[in-house]
Amino acid sequence: QVQLLESGGGLVQAGDSLRLSCAASGRTFSSYRMGWFRQAPGKAREFVAAISRSGESTWYADSVKGRFTISRDNAKNTVYLQMNSLKPEDTAVYYCSRKTDSGLVKFGYDSWGQGTQVTVSS
């Protein structure tokens, strides 16, 4: 099972940017689609973005489309989430995960990291 380590979170003001990173262990990183999810206090975890094995295809939740960009570097076993024009409603713990099936991009993930906190003040 892969180990995932997220980093890059912090406290920012509305309109600011942050770049999250997720480093994966193992030698099969490029074999899997990867995704970012988030969970706000008192809410269920929700899908944010996903990226194909090669990085050529990406998918986004409507709430972040046009503001967030997911990317990956297979040579570094790392997936990124560039977050621009942050809003207070983006406040959450952000997790990366590995997709293990071929179904819808919002489902079929395992091996969650410990998460990184993003707090956006108004």
C-alpha atoms as a PDB file:
ATOM      1  CA  GLN A   1       0.000   0.000   0.000  1.00  0.00           C
ATOM      2  CA  VAL A   2       1.329   3.416  -0.941  1.00  0.00           C
ATOM      3  CA  GLN A   3       2.138   6.065   1.657  1.00  0.00           C
ATOM      4  CA  LEU A   4       1.107   9.628   0.886  1.00  0.00           C
ATOM      5  CA  LEU A   5       2.383  12.788   2.568  1.00  0.00           C
ATOM      6  CA  GLU A   6       0.644  16.093   1.938  1.00  0.00           C
ATOM      7  CA  SER A   7       2.252  19.473   2.618  1.00  0.00           C
ATOM      8  CA  GLY A   8       1.920  23.140   1.763  1.00  0.00           C
ATOM      9  CA  GLY A   9      -1.168  24.124   3.692  1.00  0.00           C
ATOM     10  CA  GLY A  10      -1.414  27.239   5.818  1.00  0.00           C
ATOM     11  CA  LEU A  11      -3.359  30.314   6.845  1.00  0.00           C
ATOM     12  CA  VAL A  12      -3.963  32.809   4.038  1.00  0.00           C
ATOM     13  CA  GLN A  13      -6.309  35.647   3.204  1.00  0.00           C
ATOM     14  CA  ALA A  14      -9.092  35.530   0.649  1.00  0.00           C
ATOM     15  CA  GLY A  15      -7.685  36.015  -2.826  1.00  0.00           C
ATOM     16  CA  ASP A  16      -4.294  34.527  -1.981  1.00  0.00           C
ATOM     17  CA  SER A  17      -2.726  31.414  -3.464  1.00  0.00           C
ATOM     18  CA  LEU A  18      -1.278  28.206  -2.084  1.00  0.00           C
ATOM     19  CA  ARG A  19       0.397  25.205  -3.657  1.00  0.00           C
ATOM     20  CA  LEU A  20      -0.146  21.838  -2.043  1.00  0.00           C
ATOM     21  CA  SER A  21       2.157  18.896  -2.628  1.00  0.00           C
ATOM     22  CA  CYS A  22       1.633  15.194  -2.092  1.00  0.00           C
ATOM     23  CA  ALA A  23       4.630  12.879  -2.129  1.00  0.00           C
ATOM     24  CA  ALA A  24       4.000   9.184  -2.710  1.00  0.00           C
ATOM     25  CA  SER A  25       6.147   6.234  -1.760  1.00  0.00           C
ATOM     26  CA  GLY A  26       6.864   3.285  -4.012  1.00  0.00           C
ATOM     27  CA  ARG A  27       7.706   2.754  -7.640  1.00  0.00           C
ATOM     28  CA  THR A  28       4.229   2.507  -9.152  1.00  0.00           C
ATOM     29  CA  PHE A  29       3.129   6.126  -8.805  1.00  0.00           C
ATOM     30  CA  SER A  30       2.825   6.675 -12.549  1.00  0.00           C
ATOM     31  CA  SER A  31       0.487   3.688 -12.835  1.00  0.00           C
ATOM     32  CA  TYR A  32      -2.323   5.380 -10.970  1.00  0.00           C
ATOM     33  CA  ARG A  33      -4.614   8.316 -11.400  1.00  0.00           C
ATOM     34  CA  MET A  34      -4.401  10.613  -8.397  1.00  0.00           C
ATOM     35  CA  GLY A  35      -6.886  12.874  -6.725  1.00  0.00           C
ATOM     36  CA  TRP A  36      -7.306  15.637  -4.191  1.00  0.00           C
ATOM     37  CA  PHE A  37     -10.166  15.761  -1.729  1.00  0.00           C
ATOM     38  CA  ARG A  38     -11.058  18.090   1.130  1.00  0.00           C
ATOM     39  CA  GLN A  39     -13.060  17.942   4.318  1.00  0.00           C
ATOM     40  CA  ALA A  40     -14.367  20.980   6.132  1.00  0.00           C
ATOM     41  CA  PRO A  41     -15.402  20.797   9.799  1.00  0.00           C
ATOM     42  CA  GLY A  42     -18.752  19.090  10.174  1.00  0.00           C
ATOM     43  CA  LYS A  43     -18.948  18.184   6.499  1.00  0.00           C
ATOM     44  CA  ALA A  44     -18.325  15.077   4.455  1.00  0.00           C
ATOM     45  CA  ARG A  45     -15.155  14.696   2.476  1.00  0.00           C
ATOM     46  CA  GLU A  46     -15.590  15.984  -1.070  1.00  0.00           C
ATOM     47  CA  PHE A  47     -13.825  15.532  -4.370  1.00  0.00           C
ATOM     48  CA  VAL A  48     -11.693  18.468  -5.527  1.00  0.00           C
ATOM     49  CA  ALA A  49      -9.627  17.360  -8.525  1.00  0.00           C
ATOM     50  CA  ALA A  50      -8.107  14.353 -10.266  1.00  0.00           C
ATOM     51  CA  ILE A  51      -5.388  13.747 -12.816  1.00  0.00           C
ATOM     52  CA  SER A  52      -4.643  10.948 -15.245  1.00  0.00           C
ATOM     53  CA  ARG A  53      -1.540   8.760 -15.113  1.00  0.00           C
ATOM     54  CA  SER A  54       0.305  10.847 -17.674  1.00  0.00           C
ATOM     55  CA  GLY A  55      -1.058  14.161 -16.477  1.00  0.00           C
ATOM     56  CA  GLU A  56      -2.729  14.916 -19.803  1.00  0.00           C
ATOM     57  CA  SER A  57      -6.257  14.728 -18.448  1.00  0.00           C
ATOM     58  CA  THR A  58      -7.642  16.535 -15.423  1.00  0.00           C
ATOM     59  CA  TRP A  59     -11.030  16.780 -13.738  1.00  0.00           C
ATOM     60  CA  TYR A  60     -12.345  19.352 -11.249  1.00  0.00           C
ATOM     61  CA  ALA A  61     -15.245  19.959  -8.956  1.00  0.00           C
ATOM     62  CA  ASP A  62     -17.388  22.825 -10.163  1.00  0.00           C
ATOM     63  CA  SER A  63     -16.596  24.772  -7.004  1.00  0.00           C
ATOM     64  CA  VAL A  64     -12.870  25.001  -7.848  1.00  0.00           C
ATOM     65  CA  LYS A  65     -12.908  24.954 -11.654  1.00  0.00           C
ATOM     66  CA  GLY A  66     -10.927  27.872 -13.034  1.00  0.00           C
ATOM     67  CA  ARG A  67      -9.186  28.542  -9.702  1.00  0.00           C
ATOM     68  CA  PHE A  68      -7.389  25.279  -8.886  1.00  0.00           C
ATOM     69  CA  THR A  69      -4.946  23.338 -11.054  1.00  0.00           C
ATOM     70  CA  ILE A  70      -3.846  19.764 -10.444  1.00  0.00           C
ATOM     71  CA  SER A  71      -0.550  18.536 -11.864  1.00  0.00           C
ATOM     72  CA  ARG A  72       1.942  15.750 -11.295  1.00  0.00           C
ATOM     73  CA  ASP A  73       5.615  14.969 -11.665  1.00  0.00           C
ATOM     74  CA  ASN A  74       6.015  11.224 -12.094  1.00  0.00           C
ATOM     75  CA  ALA A  75       9.795  11.466 -11.816  1.00  0.00           C
ATOM     76  CA  LYS A  76       9.346  12.878  -8.308  1.00  0.00           C
ATOM     77  CA  ASN A  77       6.328  10.735  -7.341  1.00  0.00           C
ATOM     78  CA  THR A  78       4.489  13.932  -6.487  1.00  0.00           C
ATOM     79  CA  VAL A  79       1.101  15.413  -7.266  1.00  0.00           C
ATOM     80  CA  TYR A  80       0.359  19.106  -6.797  1.00  0.00           C
ATOM     81  CA  LEU A  81      -2.657  21.317  -6.297  1.00  0.00           C
ATOM     82  CA  GLN A  82      -2.191  24.967  -7.191  1.00  0.00           C
ATOM     83  CA  MET A  83      -4.949  26.972  -5.538  1.00  0.00           C
ATOM     84  CA  ASN A  84      -5.558  30.540  -6.668  1.00  0.00           C
ATOM     85  CA  SER A  85      -8.179  33.116  -5.706  1.00  0.00           C
ATOM     86  CA  LEU A  86      -8.832  31.289  -2.470  1.00  0.00           C
ATOM     87  CA  LYS A  87     -12.137  31.825  -0.708  1.00  0.00           C
ATOM     88  CA  PRO A  88     -13.139  31.294   2.930  1.00  0.00           C
ATOM     89  CA  GLU A  89     -15.290  28.361   1.781  1.00  0.00           C
ATOM     90  CA  ASP A  90     -12.100  26.611   0.611  1.00  0.00           C
ATOM     91  CA  THR A  91     -11.116  26.190   4.261  1.00  0.00           C
ATOM     92  CA  ALA A  92     -10.657  22.466   4.911  1.00  0.00           C
ATOM     93  CA  VAL A  93      -8.186  19.687   5.438  1.00  0.00           C
ATOM     94  CA  TYR A  94      -6.923  18.645   2.017  1.00  0.00           C
ATOM     95  CA  TYR A  95      -6.037  15.040   1.236  1.00  0.00           C
ATOM     96  CA  CYS A  96      -4.488  13.334  -1.725  1.00  0.00           C
ATOM     97  CA  SER A  97      -5.282   9.779  -2.684  1.00  0.00           C
ATOM     98  CA  ARG A  98      -4.618   7.109  -5.245  1.00  0.00           C
ATOM     99  CA  LYS A  99      -7.376   5.920  -7.557  1.00  0.00           C
ATOM    100  CA  THR A 100      -7.429   2.165  -7.859  1.00  0.00           C
ATOM    101  CA  ASP A 101     -10.285   1.517 -10.282  1.00  0.00           C
ATOM    102  CA  SER A 102     -11.462   2.733 -13.661  1.00  0.00           C
ATOM    103  CA  GLY A 103     -14.779   4.170 -12.551  1.00  0.00           C
ATOM    104  CA  LEU A 104     -15.945   7.717 -12.024  1.00  0.00           C
ATOM    105  CA  VAL A 105     -13.150  10.053 -10.957  1.00  0.00           C
ATOM    106  CA  LYS A 106     -14.898  10.968  -7.697  1.00  0.00           C
ATOM    107  CA  PHE A 107     -14.799   7.388  -6.410  1.00  0.00           C
ATOM    108  CA  GLY A 108     -12.502   4.401  -6.078  1.00  0.00           C
ATOM    109  CA  TYR A 109      -9.618   5.798  -4.023  1.00  0.00           C
ATOM    110  CA  ASP A 110      -7.428   4.266  -1.329  1.00  0.00           C
ATOM    111  CA  SER A 111      -4.278   5.063   0.647  1.00  0.00           C
ATOM    112  CA  TRP A 112      -5.183   8.421   2.118  1.00  0.00           C
ATOM    113  CA  GLY A 113      -2.528  10.734   3.542  1.00  0.00           C
ATOM    114  CA  GLN A 114      -2.820  12.561   6.862  1.00  0.00           C
ATOM    115  CA  GLY A 115      -3.953  15.759   5.189  1.00  0.00           C
ATOM    116  CA  THR A 116      -2.823  19.375   5.267  1.00  0.00           C
ATOM    117  CA  GLN A 117      -4.895  22.201   6.742  1.00  0.00           C
ATOM    118  CA  VAL A 118      -5.862  25.145   4.550  1.00  0.00           C
ATOM    119  CA  THR A 119      -7.487  28.092   6.281  1.00  0.00           C
ATOM    120  CA  VAL A 120      -8.688  31.096   4.312  1.00  0.00           C
ATOM    121  CA  SER A 121      -9.651  34.201   6.249  1.00  0.00           C
ATOM    122  CA  SER A 122     -12.037  36.816   4.892  1.00  0.00           C
END
